[in-house]
C-alpha cells in the first residue's frame, strides 16, 4: 500500500516548474531550490528530488526516466513471482517423485 503524499500534486508541479525556470537564469541559479522551497513551505530536499526527476524525464540529466524506473520495478516484481512459482513447482516435483506408488 502506498503512503499518502505529503504535498499535493499541484504544489509539486508548481514548485518544480518554478525551480527549473529559476535554474535557467545564471544570476538566480545559486540557491534557487532552497529559496523556492522556503517560499512555498516545501522541504528543500523534496524539491531537489522533484527537480532531478523532472530533469531526467526531460532528458536534461542522465539516468532512467520515471516510466523506465516503474517498468523496471514491475519486471523485477514479476521476476520474483516467477522464481517463487518455479521453486514451488520444483519442490512439488521432487516430493511427488519420491512418493512410492
N, C-alpha and C. Protein backbone atom coordinates (compact mmCIF):
# COMPACT_ATOMS: atom_id res chain seq x y z
N UNK A 1 0.84 -1.17 0.00
CA UNK A 1 0.00 0.00 0.00
C UNK A 1 0.89 1.24 0.00
N UNK A 2 0.54 2.22 -0.80
CA UNK A 2 1.33 3.43 -0.95
C UNK A 2 0.93 4.43 0.13
N UNK A 3 1.92 5.05 0.71
CA UNK A 3 1.66 6.06 1.74
C UNK A 3 1.09 7.32 1.09
N UNK A 4 0.22 8.03 1.81
CA UNK A 4 -0.33 9.26 1.24
C UNK A 4 0.78 10.29 1.04
N UNK A 5 0.63 11.11 0.02
CA UNK A 5 1.63 12.11 -0.28
C UNK A 5 1.49 13.31 0.65
N UNK A 6 2.62 13.82 1.06
CA UNK A 6 2.63 14.95 1.98
C UNK A 6 2.25 16.24 1.27
N UNK A 7 2.65 16.38 0.02
CA UNK A 7 2.40 17.59 -0.74
C UNK A 7 1.45 17.29 -1.91
N UNK A 8 0.48 18.16 -2.16
CA UNK A 8 -0.43 17.94 -3.29
C UNK A 8 0.31 18.00 -4.63
N UNK A 9 -0.24 17.33 -5.62
CA UNK A 9 0.40 17.28 -6.94
C UNK A 9 0.55 18.67 -7.55
N UNK A 10 -0.44 19.53 -7.36
CA UNK A 10 -0.38 20.88 -7.91
C UNK A 10 0.82 21.64 -7.35
N UNK A 11 1.05 21.51 -6.05
CA UNK A 11 2.19 22.18 -5.42
C UNK A 11 3.49 21.61 -5.95
N UNK A 12 3.56 20.31 -6.10
CA UNK A 12 4.76 19.67 -6.62
C UNK A 12 5.08 20.18 -8.02
N UNK A 13 4.06 20.24 -8.88
CA UNK A 13 4.27 20.69 -10.25
C UNK A 13 4.69 22.16 -10.30
N UNK A 14 4.02 22.97 -9.49
CA UNK A 14 4.33 24.41 -9.47
C UNK A 14 5.74 24.65 -8.95
N UNK A 15 6.10 24.00 -7.86
CA UNK A 15 7.43 24.18 -7.28
C UNK A 15 8.51 23.70 -8.25
N UNK A 16 8.28 22.58 -8.90
CA UNK A 16 9.24 22.05 -9.85
C UNK A 16 9.42 23.00 -11.03
N UNK A 17 8.31 23.49 -11.55
CA UNK A 17 8.36 24.42 -12.68
C UNK A 17 9.12 25.70 -12.29
N UNK A 18 8.81 26.23 -11.10
CA UNK A 18 9.49 27.45 -10.63
C UNK A 18 10.99 27.22 -10.48
N UNK A 19 11.37 26.07 -9.92
CA UNK A 19 12.80 25.78 -9.72
C UNK A 19 13.52 25.59 -11.05
N UNK A 20 12.88 24.91 -11.99
CA UNK A 20 13.51 24.73 -13.30
C UNK A 20 13.71 26.07 -14.00
N UNK A 21 12.72 26.94 -13.92
CA UNK A 21 12.84 28.26 -14.54
C UNK A 21 13.92 29.08 -13.85
N UNK A 22 13.98 29.02 -12.53
CA UNK A 22 14.98 29.79 -11.79
C UNK A 22 16.40 29.29 -12.08
N UNK A 23 16.55 28.01 -12.29
CA UNK A 23 17.87 27.44 -12.55
C UNK A 23 18.38 27.78 -13.94
N UNK A 24 17.49 28.20 -14.84
CA UNK A 24 17.93 28.60 -16.18
C UNK A 24 18.58 29.98 -16.17
N UNK A 25 18.21 30.82 -15.20
CA UNK A 25 18.77 32.16 -15.07
C UNK A 25 20.07 32.07 -14.27
N UNK A 26 21.23 32.38 -14.90
CA UNK A 26 22.51 32.25 -14.20
C UNK A 26 22.59 33.09 -12.92
N UNK A 27 21.95 34.24 -12.90
CA UNK A 27 22.01 35.11 -11.73
C UNK A 27 21.23 34.53 -10.56
N UNK A 28 20.16 33.80 -10.83
CA UNK A 28 19.30 33.26 -9.77
C UNK A 28 19.55 31.78 -9.51
N UNK A 29 20.49 31.19 -10.23
CA UNK A 29 20.70 29.74 -10.13
C UNK A 29 21.16 29.29 -8.75
N UNK A 30 22.09 30.03 -8.16
CA UNK A 30 22.65 29.64 -6.87
C UNK A 30 21.59 29.79 -5.78
N UNK A 31 21.30 28.69 -5.12
CA UNK A 31 20.34 28.71 -4.03
C UNK A 31 18.88 28.77 -4.46
N UNK A 32 18.61 28.54 -5.73
CA UNK A 32 17.24 28.66 -6.24
C UNK A 32 16.32 27.64 -5.60
N UNK A 33 16.77 26.42 -5.47
CA UNK A 33 15.91 25.37 -4.91
C UNK A 33 15.56 25.68 -3.46
N UNK A 34 16.55 26.06 -2.67
CA UNK A 34 16.30 26.38 -1.26
C UNK A 34 15.38 27.58 -1.12
N UNK A 35 15.61 28.59 -1.91
CA UNK A 35 14.79 29.81 -1.85
C UNK A 35 13.33 29.51 -2.21
N UNK A 36 13.11 28.77 -3.27
CA UNK A 36 11.74 28.44 -3.70
C UNK A 36 11.08 27.50 -2.70
N UNK A 37 11.84 26.56 -2.17
CA UNK A 37 11.29 25.64 -1.17
C UNK A 37 10.84 26.42 0.07
N UNK A 38 11.63 27.37 0.50
CA UNK A 38 11.25 28.18 1.66
C UNK A 38 10.01 29.02 1.38
N UNK A 39 9.92 29.56 0.17
CA UNK A 39 8.76 30.39 -0.20
C UNK A 39 7.47 29.58 -0.20
N UNK A 40 7.56 28.33 -0.65
CA UNK A 40 6.36 27.51 -0.80
C UNK A 40 6.10 26.59 0.40
N UNK A 41 7.00 26.58 1.36
CA UNK A 41 6.81 25.74 2.53
C UNK A 41 7.04 24.27 2.26
N UNK A 42 8.00 23.98 1.37
CA UNK A 42 8.34 22.62 0.98
C UNK A 42 9.75 22.34 1.49
N UNK A 43 9.99 21.11 1.89
CA UNK A 43 11.34 20.74 2.32
C UNK A 43 12.28 20.83 1.11
N UNK A 44 13.45 21.47 1.28
CA UNK A 44 14.37 21.64 0.14
C UNK A 44 14.79 20.33 -0.52
N UNK A 45 15.01 19.28 0.26
CA UNK A 45 15.42 18.01 -0.34
C UNK A 45 14.30 17.39 -1.17
N UNK A 46 13.06 17.59 -0.75
CA UNK A 46 11.93 17.09 -1.53
C UNK A 46 11.90 17.80 -2.89
N UNK A 47 12.04 19.11 -2.86
CA UNK A 47 12.04 19.87 -4.11
C UNK A 47 13.22 19.49 -4.98
N UNK A 48 14.39 19.30 -4.37
CA UNK A 48 15.58 18.90 -5.13
C UNK A 48 15.34 17.56 -5.83
N UNK A 49 14.66 16.64 -5.16
CA UNK A 49 14.34 15.34 -5.74
C UNK A 49 13.37 15.49 -6.90
N UNK A 50 12.35 16.34 -6.73
CA UNK A 50 11.36 16.56 -7.79
C UNK A 50 12.03 17.17 -9.02
N UNK A 51 12.94 18.11 -8.80
CA UNK A 51 13.63 18.77 -9.91
C UNK A 51 14.51 17.76 -10.65
N UNK A 52 15.23 16.93 -9.90
CA UNK A 52 16.09 15.92 -10.53
C UNK A 52 15.25 14.96 -11.37
N UNK A 53 14.10 14.54 -10.85
CA UNK A 53 13.22 13.63 -11.60
C UNK A 53 12.71 14.31 -12.87
N UNK A 54 12.31 15.58 -12.76
CA UNK A 54 11.83 16.30 -13.94
C UNK A 54 12.94 16.45 -14.98
N UNK A 55 14.16 16.72 -14.53
CA UNK A 55 15.27 16.85 -15.47
C UNK A 55 15.58 15.51 -16.15
N UNK A 56 15.49 14.39 -15.41
CA UNK A 56 15.70 13.08 -16.04
C UNK A 56 14.60 12.79 -17.05
N UNK A 57 13.35 13.13 -16.70
CA UNK A 57 12.23 12.87 -17.61
C UNK A 57 12.34 13.70 -18.88
N UNK A 58 12.93 14.90 -18.79
CA UNK A 58 13.08 15.77 -19.96
C UNK A 58 14.37 15.48 -20.72
N UNK A 59 15.21 14.60 -20.20
CA UNK A 59 16.45 14.26 -20.87
C UNK A 59 17.58 15.23 -20.58
N UNK A 60 17.43 16.10 -19.60
CA UNK A 60 18.46 17.06 -19.25
C UNK A 60 19.50 16.49 -18.30
N UNK A 61 19.19 15.36 -17.69
CA UNK A 61 20.08 14.73 -16.71
C UNK A 61 20.13 13.24 -17.03
N UNK A 62 21.31 12.62 -16.93
CA UNK A 62 21.38 11.18 -17.21
C UNK A 62 20.67 10.37 -16.13
N UNK A 63 20.18 9.23 -16.55
CA UNK A 63 19.50 8.33 -15.62
C UNK A 63 18.18 7.88 -16.19
N UNK A 64 17.58 6.90 -15.53
CA UNK A 64 16.30 6.36 -16.02
C UNK A 64 15.15 7.35 -15.78
N UNK A 65 14.26 7.43 -16.74
CA UNK A 65 13.08 8.27 -16.59
C UNK A 65 12.12 7.59 -15.61
N UNK A 66 11.09 8.32 -15.22
CA UNK A 66 10.11 7.77 -14.29
C UNK A 66 9.43 6.54 -14.88
N UNK A 67 9.09 6.63 -16.18
CA UNK A 67 8.45 5.50 -16.84
C UNK A 67 9.36 4.28 -16.89
N UNK A 68 10.62 4.50 -17.19
CA UNK A 68 11.57 3.39 -17.24
C UNK A 68 11.76 2.76 -15.87
N UNK A 69 11.87 3.59 -14.84
CA UNK A 69 12.07 3.08 -13.49
C UNK A 69 10.86 2.27 -13.02
N UNK A 70 9.66 2.73 -13.35
CA UNK A 70 8.47 1.98 -12.94
C UNK A 70 8.38 0.67 -13.72
N UNK A 71 8.79 0.67 -14.98
CA UNK A 71 8.78 -0.55 -15.79
C UNK A 71 9.78 -1.57 -15.23
N UNK A 72 10.96 -1.11 -14.86
CA UNK A 72 11.97 -1.99 -14.27
C UNK A 72 11.46 -2.59 -12.96
N UNK A 73 10.83 -1.76 -12.14
CA UNK A 73 10.28 -2.26 -10.87
C UNK A 73 9.20 -3.31 -11.12
N UNK A 74 8.37 -3.07 -12.12
CA UNK A 74 7.32 -4.03 -12.46
C UNK A 74 7.92 -5.36 -12.94
N UNK A 75 8.95 -5.28 -13.77
CA UNK A 75 9.60 -6.50 -14.27
C UNK A 75 10.32 -7.25 -13.14
N UNK A 76 10.94 -6.53 -12.22
CA UNK A 76 11.59 -7.18 -11.09
C UNK A 76 10.57 -7.89 -10.21
N UNK A 77 9.42 -7.27 -10.00
CA UNK A 77 8.35 -7.89 -9.20
C UNK A 77 7.85 -9.16 -9.89
N UNK A 78 7.65 -9.08 -11.19
CA UNK A 78 7.20 -10.26 -11.96
C UNK A 78 8.25 -11.36 -11.90
N UNK A 79 9.51 -10.98 -12.00
CA UNK A 79 10.60 -11.95 -11.94
C UNK A 79 10.62 -12.68 -10.60
N UNK A 80 10.44 -11.93 -9.49
CA UNK A 80 10.38 -12.56 -8.16
C UNK A 80 9.24 -13.56 -8.07
N UNK A 81 8.07 -13.17 -8.60
CA UNK A 81 6.91 -14.07 -8.56
C UNK A 81 7.17 -15.34 -9.36
N UNK A 82 7.79 -15.21 -10.53
CA UNK A 82 8.07 -16.37 -11.36
C UNK A 82 9.11 -17.29 -10.72
N UNK A 83 10.13 -16.70 -10.09
CA UNK A 83 11.13 -17.51 -9.40
C UNK A 83 10.49 -18.29 -8.24
N UNK A 84 9.60 -17.63 -7.53
CA UNK A 84 8.90 -18.28 -6.41
C UNK A 84 8.03 -19.43 -6.92
N UNK A 85 7.31 -19.18 -8.03
CA UNK A 85 6.46 -20.23 -8.61
C UNK A 85 7.31 -21.40 -9.08
N UNK A 86 8.46 -21.12 -9.69
CA UNK A 86 9.35 -22.20 -10.13
C UNK A 86 9.86 -23.01 -8.95
N UNK A 87 10.21 -22.34 -7.88
CA UNK A 87 10.69 -23.04 -6.69
C UNK A 87 9.60 -23.95 -6.12
N UNK A 88 8.38 -23.46 -6.09
CA UNK A 88 7.26 -24.28 -5.59
C UNK A 88 7.06 -25.50 -6.48
N UNK A 89 7.12 -25.29 -7.79
CA UNK A 89 6.95 -26.42 -8.73
C UNK A 89 8.08 -27.44 -8.59
N UNK A 90 9.32 -26.98 -8.40
CA UNK A 90 10.44 -27.89 -8.22
C UNK A 90 10.27 -28.71 -6.94
N UNK A 91 9.84 -28.03 -5.88
CA UNK A 91 9.62 -28.74 -4.61
C UNK A 91 8.52 -29.78 -4.76
N UNK A 92 7.45 -29.42 -5.44
CA UNK A 92 6.34 -30.35 -5.64
C UNK A 92 6.78 -31.53 -6.50
N UNK A 93 7.55 -31.26 -7.54
CA UNK A 93 8.01 -32.34 -8.41
C UNK A 93 8.93 -33.30 -7.66
N UNK A 94 9.82 -32.79 -6.85
CA UNK A 94 10.72 -33.67 -6.11
C UNK A 94 9.95 -34.44 -5.04
N UNK A 95 8.92 -33.85 -4.45
CA UNK A 95 8.10 -34.52 -3.46
C UNK A 95 7.36 -35.71 -4.10
N UNK A 96 6.72 -35.44 -5.23
CA UNK A 96 5.94 -36.49 -5.89
C UNK A 96 6.83 -37.55 -6.54
N UNK A 97 8.06 -37.19 -6.87
CA UNK A 97 8.97 -38.18 -7.44
C UNK A 97 9.44 -39.17 -6.36
N UNK A 98 9.47 -38.73 -5.12
CA UNK A 98 9.94 -39.60 -4.04
C UNK A 98 8.80 -40.38 -3.37
N UNK A 99 7.55 -40.08 -3.70
CA UNK A 99 6.41 -40.79 -3.10
C UNK A 99 6.28 -42.17 -3.77
N UNK A 100 6.26 -43.25 -2.96
CA UNK A 100 6.13 -44.59 -3.56
C UNK A 100 4.70 -44.79 -4.10
N UNK A 101 4.60 -45.60 -5.11
CA UNK A 101 3.29 -45.88 -5.74
C UNK A 101 2.44 -46.78 -4.93
